[in-house]
Amino acid sequence: MQKTPFQRMYILLRPAGGQATGFARMECQRGRGRLSIHASGLPEKPVRALLLSGDVHSGAVLDLGLLHPMGGQQAALCRDHIGLQGGYQALVLATDWPDAKLLLYGWLRGRPCCTLWQMQESVQRYLAYPAADSAPAPVEYEEKRPERSVLMLRRRVST
């Protein structure tokens, strides 16, 4: 019987601003992994979970999908068979497109790899365009004053 290395890590998700809190558990074996995220104090709109690697300009982002907060602004997400051989450095939760704002973050390595504003820039750059499962863009209609119909014009009488 051959032994394969197995790794389990717990990640404390820290607030980037506001009252949100959370944690995640990541398990990895043979370069594939499972990630479970639990968060509370989230806004009542979709929240996107992302794994970040590298810096703002040359970094990679792995989109884990949307969390949909329920009644008490609590949400959970579980993903299986994730490719974790990319050397990801941070787990981030942010509001979804079009107003991407960093909510929670957690380090996957012992020491921080980037600053908070660099993570915010990475999130804004990635969510500058909607992902496949994002909500459609809000449509704004121009308010037009109703114009008078031709039938409403007075008849012209010649004398």
C-alpha atoms as a PDB file:
ATOM      1  CA  MET A   1       0.000   0.000   0.000  1.00  0.00           C
ATOM      2  CA  GLN A   2       1.407   3.372  -1.063  1.00  0.00           C
ATOM      3  CA  LYS A   3       0.973   6.378   1.198  1.00  0.00           C
ATOM      4  CA  THR A   4       0.051   9.710  -0.354  1.00  0.00           C
ATOM      5  CA  PRO A   5       0.640  12.988   1.470  1.00  0.00           C
ATOM      6  CA  PHE A   6      -2.486  14.574   2.914  1.00  0.00           C
ATOM      7  CA  GLN A   7      -2.662  18.125   4.182  1.00  0.00           C
ATOM      8  CA  ARG A   8      -5.418  19.941   6.100  1.00  0.00           C
ATOM      9  CA  MET A   9      -5.388  23.643   6.874  1.00  0.00           C
ATOM     10  CA  TYR A  10      -7.785  25.966   8.698  1.00  0.00           C
ATOM     11  CA  ILE A  11      -7.915  29.564   7.502  1.00  0.00           C
ATOM     12  CA  LEU A  12      -9.183  32.441   9.635  1.00  0.00           C
ATOM     13  CA  LEU A  13     -10.973  34.986   7.436  1.00  0.00           C
ATOM     14  CA  ARG A  14     -10.322  38.527   8.630  1.00  0.00           C
ATOM     15  CA  PRO A  15     -12.536  41.522   7.857  1.00  0.00           C
ATOM     16  CA  ALA A  16     -11.216  44.066   5.387  1.00  0.00           C
ATOM     17  CA  GLY A  17     -13.774  46.515   6.759  1.00  0.00           C
ATOM     18  CA  GLY A  18     -17.135  45.997   8.401  1.00  0.00           C
ATOM     19  CA  GLN A  19     -18.391  43.256  10.706  1.00  0.00           C
ATOM     20  CA  ALA A  20     -18.044  40.134   8.527  1.00  0.00           C
ATOM     21  CA  THR A  21     -16.257  37.104   9.976  1.00  0.00           C
ATOM     22  CA  GLY A  22     -15.544  33.594   8.783  1.00  0.00           C
ATOM     23  CA  PHE A  23     -13.279  30.611   8.437  1.00  0.00           C
ATOM     24  CA  ALA A  24     -12.372  28.026   5.832  1.00  0.00           C
ATOM     25  CA  ARG A  25     -11.010  24.483   5.820  1.00  0.00           C
ATOM     26  CA  MET A  26      -8.816  23.300   2.964  1.00  0.00           C
ATOM     27  CA  GLU A  27      -7.764  19.695   2.416  1.00  0.00           C
ATOM     28  CA  CYS A  28      -5.234  18.741  -0.230  1.00  0.00           C
ATOM     29  CA  GLN A  29      -4.078  15.387  -1.585  1.00  0.00           C
ATOM     30  CA  ARG A  30      -2.187  14.747  -4.856  1.00  0.00           C
ATOM     31  CA  GLY A  31      -2.539  18.387  -5.959  1.00  0.00           C
ATOM     32  CA  ARG A  32      -6.355  18.268  -5.753  1.00  0.00           C
ATOM     33  CA  GLY A  33      -8.297  19.765  -2.916  1.00  0.00           C
ATOM     34  CA  ARG A  34     -11.532  20.423  -1.125  1.00  0.00           C
ATOM     35  CA  LEU A  35     -12.419  23.824   0.284  1.00  0.00           C
ATOM     36  CA  SER A  36     -15.240  24.614   2.730  1.00  0.00           C
ATOM     37  CA  ILE A  37     -16.016  28.252   3.544  1.00  0.00           C
ATOM     38  CA  HIS A  38     -18.331  29.539   6.299  1.00  0.00           C
ATOM     39  CA  ALA A  39     -18.964  33.264   6.767  1.00  0.00           C
ATOM     40  CA  SER A  40     -21.387  35.523   8.626  1.00  0.00           C
ATOM     41  CA  GLY A  41     -22.144  39.233   8.792  1.00  0.00           C
ATOM     42  CA  LEU A  42     -22.167  39.445   4.990  1.00  0.00           C
ATOM     43  CA  PRO A  43     -24.234  41.935   2.978  1.00  0.00           C
ATOM     44  CA  GLU A  44     -27.464  40.568   1.531  1.00  0.00           C
ATOM     45  CA  LYS A  45     -26.118  40.390  -2.011  1.00  0.00           C
ATOM     46  CA  PRO A  46     -24.004  37.730  -3.753  1.00  0.00           C
ATOM     47  CA  VAL A  47     -20.456  37.316  -2.475  1.00  0.00           C
ATOM     48  CA  ARG A  48     -17.724  35.771  -4.631  1.00  0.00           C
ATOM     49  CA  ALA A  49     -14.966  33.525  -3.240  1.00  0.00           C
ATOM     50  CA  LEU A  50     -11.548  33.774  -4.945  1.00  0.00           C
ATOM     51  CA  LEU A  51      -8.087  32.260  -4.503  1.00  0.00           C
ATOM     52  CA  LEU A  52      -5.296  34.737  -5.340  1.00  0.00           C
ATOM     53  CA  SER A  53      -1.756  34.042  -6.473  1.00  0.00           C
ATOM     54  CA  GLY A  54       1.091  36.366  -7.443  1.00  0.00           C
ATOM     55  CA  ASP A  55       0.858  40.146  -7.638  1.00  0.00           C
ATOM     56  CA  VAL A  56      -1.673  42.562  -9.119  1.00  0.00           C
ATOM     57  CA  HIS A  57      -0.248  42.584 -12.645  1.00  0.00           C
ATOM     58  CA  SER A  58       1.000  39.021 -13.124  1.00  0.00           C
ATOM     59  CA  GLY A  59      -1.137  37.145 -10.609  1.00  0.00           C
ATOM     60  CA  ALA A  60      -3.696  34.435 -11.144  1.00  0.00           C
ATOM     61  CA  VAL A  61      -7.221  34.172  -9.763  1.00  0.00           C
ATOM     62  CA  LEU A  62      -9.194  30.974  -9.230  1.00  0.00           C
ATOM     63  CA  ASP A  63     -12.914  31.744  -9.043  1.00  0.00           C
ATOM     64  CA  LEU A  64     -14.625  29.399  -6.579  1.00  0.00           C
ATOM     65  CA  GLY A  65     -18.134  30.728  -7.180  1.00  0.00           C
ATOM     66  CA  LEU A  66     -20.835  32.657  -5.390  1.00  0.00           C
ATOM     67  CA  LEU A  67     -22.054  32.507  -1.815  1.00  0.00           C
ATOM     68  CA  HIS A  68     -25.650  33.603  -1.358  1.00  0.00           C
ATOM     69  CA  PRO A  69     -26.139  34.984   2.175  1.00  0.00           C
ATOM     70  CA  MET A  70     -29.453  34.049   3.767  1.00  0.00           C
ATOM     71  CA  GLY A  71     -31.501  35.490   6.650  1.00  0.00           C
ATOM     72  CA  GLY A  72     -28.773  36.199   9.204  1.00  0.00           C
ATOM     73  CA  GLN A  73     -26.295  37.196   6.478  1.00  0.00           C
ATOM     74  CA  GLN A  74     -24.671  33.763   6.812  1.00  0.00           C
ATOM     75  CA  ALA A  75     -23.397  31.717   3.894  1.00  0.00           C
ATOM     76  CA  ALA A  76     -21.410  28.579   3.166  1.00  0.00           C
ATOM     77  CA  LEU A  77     -19.662  27.206   0.102  1.00  0.00           C
ATOM     78  CA  CYS A  78     -18.016  23.837  -0.516  1.00  0.00           C
ATOM     79  CA  ARG A  79     -15.925  22.991  -3.592  1.00  0.00           C
ATOM     80  CA  ASP A  80     -14.401  19.581  -4.382  1.00  0.00           C
ATOM     81  CA  HIS A  81     -11.601  18.582  -6.776  1.00  0.00           C
ATOM     82  CA  ILE A  82      -9.990  22.022  -6.980  1.00  0.00           C
ATOM     83  CA  GLY A  83      -6.567  22.193  -8.622  1.00  0.00           C
ATOM     84  CA  LEU A  84      -4.366  23.632  -5.865  1.00  0.00           C
ATOM     85  CA  GLN A  85      -0.941  23.254  -7.472  1.00  0.00           C
ATOM     86  CA  GLY A  86      -0.953  26.926  -8.548  1.00  0.00           C
ATOM     87  CA  GLY A  87       0.731  28.164  -5.364  1.00  0.00           C
ATOM     88  CA  TYR A  88      -2.210  30.262  -4.180  1.00  0.00           C
ATOM     89  CA  GLN A  89      -1.430  32.682  -1.390  1.00  0.00           C
ATOM     90  CA  ALA A  90      -4.744  34.133  -0.198  1.00  0.00           C
ATOM     91  CA  LEU A  91      -8.441  33.302   0.031  1.00  0.00           C
ATOM     92  CA  VAL A  92     -10.682  36.316  -0.522  1.00  0.00           C
ATOM     93  CA  LEU A  93     -14.426  36.976  -0.260  1.00  0.00           C
ATOM     94  CA  ALA A  94     -15.691  40.042  -2.126  1.00  0.00           C
ATOM     95  CA  THR A  95     -18.980  41.483  -3.298  1.00  0.00           C
ATOM     96  CA  ASP A  96     -19.770  40.468  -6.861  1.00  0.00           C
ATOM     97  CA  TRP A  97     -19.718  42.544 -10.031  1.00  0.00           C
ATOM     98  CA  PRO A  98     -20.389  45.447 -10.725  1.00  0.00           C
ATOM     99  CA  ASP A  99     -19.358  46.848  -7.317  1.00  0.00           C
ATOM    100  CA  ALA A 100     -16.433  44.629  -6.269  1.00  0.00           C
ATOM    101  CA  LYS A 101     -15.422  45.322  -2.675  1.00  0.00           C
ATOM    102  CA  LEU A 102     -13.127  43.197  -0.516  1.00  0.00           C
ATOM    103  CA  LEU A 103     -14.980  41.826   2.540  1.00  0.00           C
ATOM    104  CA  LEU A 104     -12.853  39.024   4.048  1.00  0.00           C
ATOM    105  CA  TYR A 105      -9.365  37.657   3.448  1.00  0.00           C
ATOM    106  CA  GLY A 106      -7.175  34.890   4.820  1.00  0.00           C
ATOM    107  CA  TRP A 107      -3.570  33.833   4.210  1.00  0.00           C
ATOM    108  CA  LEU A 108      -2.773  30.355   2.907  1.00  0.00           C
ATOM    109  CA  ARG A 109       0.896  30.736   3.793  1.00  0.00           C
ATOM    110  CA  GLY A 110       2.597  31.592   7.068  1.00  0.00           C
ATOM    111  CA  ARG A 111       3.375  35.196   6.261  1.00  0.00           C
ATOM    112  CA  PRO A 112       1.486  37.803   4.210  1.00  0.00           C
ATOM    113  CA  CYS A 113       2.402  37.997   0.540  1.00  0.00           C
ATOM    114  CA  CYS A 114       0.749  41.294  -0.358  1.00  0.00           C
ATOM    115  CA  THR A 115      -0.986  44.260   1.214  1.00  0.00           C
ATOM    116  CA  LEU A 116      -4.696  44.784   1.661  1.00  0.00           C
ATOM    117  CA  TRP A 117      -4.915  47.404  -1.088  1.00  0.00           C
ATOM    118  CA  GLN A 118      -3.106  45.057  -3.527  1.00  0.00           C
ATOM    119  CA  MET A 119      -5.734  42.379  -2.831  1.00  0.00           C
ATOM    120  CA  GLN A 120      -8.481  44.964  -3.393  1.00  0.00           C
ATOM    121  CA  GLU A 121      -6.907  45.944  -6.734  1.00  0.00           C
ATOM    122  CA  SER A 122      -6.699  42.281  -7.796  1.00  0.00           C
ATOM    123  CA  VAL A 123     -10.351  41.759  -6.922  1.00  0.00           C
ATOM    124  CA  GLN A 124     -11.448  44.909  -8.773  1.00  0.00           C
ATOM    125  CA  ARG A 125      -9.394  43.971 -11.815  1.00  0.00           C
ATOM    126  CA  TYR A 126     -10.833  40.444 -11.919  1.00  0.00           C
ATOM    127  CA  LEU A 127     -14.423  41.598 -11.338  1.00  0.00           C
ATOM    128  CA  ALA A 128     -14.246  44.519 -13.783  1.00  0.00           C
ATOM    129  CA  TYR A 129     -16.369  42.329 -16.080  1.00  0.00           C
ATOM    130  CA  PRO A 130     -19.151  39.963 -15.032  1.00  0.00           C
ATOM    131  CA  ALA A 131     -18.385  36.288 -14.532  1.00  0.00           C
ATOM    132  CA  ALA A 132     -20.607  33.639 -16.118  1.00  0.00           C
ATOM    133  CA  ASP A 133     -22.754  33.230 -12.990  1.00  0.00           C
ATOM    134  CA  SER A 134     -22.970  36.951 -12.114  1.00  0.00           C
ATOM    135  CA  ALA A 135     -26.264  38.800 -12.075  1.00  0.00           C
ATOM    136  CA  PRO A 136     -27.060  40.813 -15.193  1.00  0.00           C
ATOM    137  CA  ALA A 137     -26.187  44.487 -15.216  1.00  0.00           C
ATOM    138  CA  PRO A 138     -28.843  46.825 -13.866  1.00  0.00           C
ATOM    139  CA  VAL A 139     -30.676  48.510 -16.722  1.00  0.00           C
ATOM    140  CA  GLU A 140     -31.384  52.204 -16.459  1.00  0.00           C
ATOM    141  CA  TYR A 141     -34.069  53.683 -18.654  1.00  0.00           C
ATOM    142  CA  GLU A 142     -34.249  57.319 -19.592  1.00  0.00           C
ATOM    143  CA  GLU A 143     -37.338  59.065 -18.392  1.00  0.00           C
ATOM    144  CA  LYS A 144     -39.029  60.702 -21.324  1.00  0.00           C
ATOM    145  CA  ARG A 145     -41.840  63.129 -21.050  1.00  0.00           C
ATOM    146  CA  PRO A 146     -44.828  61.963 -23.022  1.00  0.00           C
ATOM    147  CA  GLU A 147     -45.156  63.887 -26.236  1.00  0.00           C
ATOM    148  CA  ARG A 148     -48.469  65.042 -27.547  1.00  0.00           C
ATOM    149  CA  SER A 149     -49.941  62.782 -30.114  1.00  0.00           C
ATOM    150  CA  VAL A 150     -50.797  64.080 -33.576  1.00  0.00           C
ATOM    151  CA  LEU A 151     -54.405  63.257 -32.802  1.00  0.00           C
ATOM    152  CA  MET A 152     -54.326  65.759 -29.949  1.00  0.00           C
ATOM    153  CA  LEU A 153     -53.513  68.730 -32.223  1.00  0.00           C
ATOM    154  CA  ARG A 154     -56.240  71.267 -32.855  1.00  0.00           C
ATOM    155  CA  ARG A 155     -57.770  71.422 -36.228  1.00  0.00           C
ATOM    156  CA  ARG A 156     -56.767  74.366 -38.239  1.00  0.00           C
ATOM    157  CA  VAL A 157     -59.730  76.269 -39.631  1.00  0.00           C
ATOM    158  CA  SER A 158     -59.159  78.645 -42.513  1.00  0.00           C
ATOM    159  CA  THR A 159     -61.360  81.661 -42.840  1.00  0.00           C
END
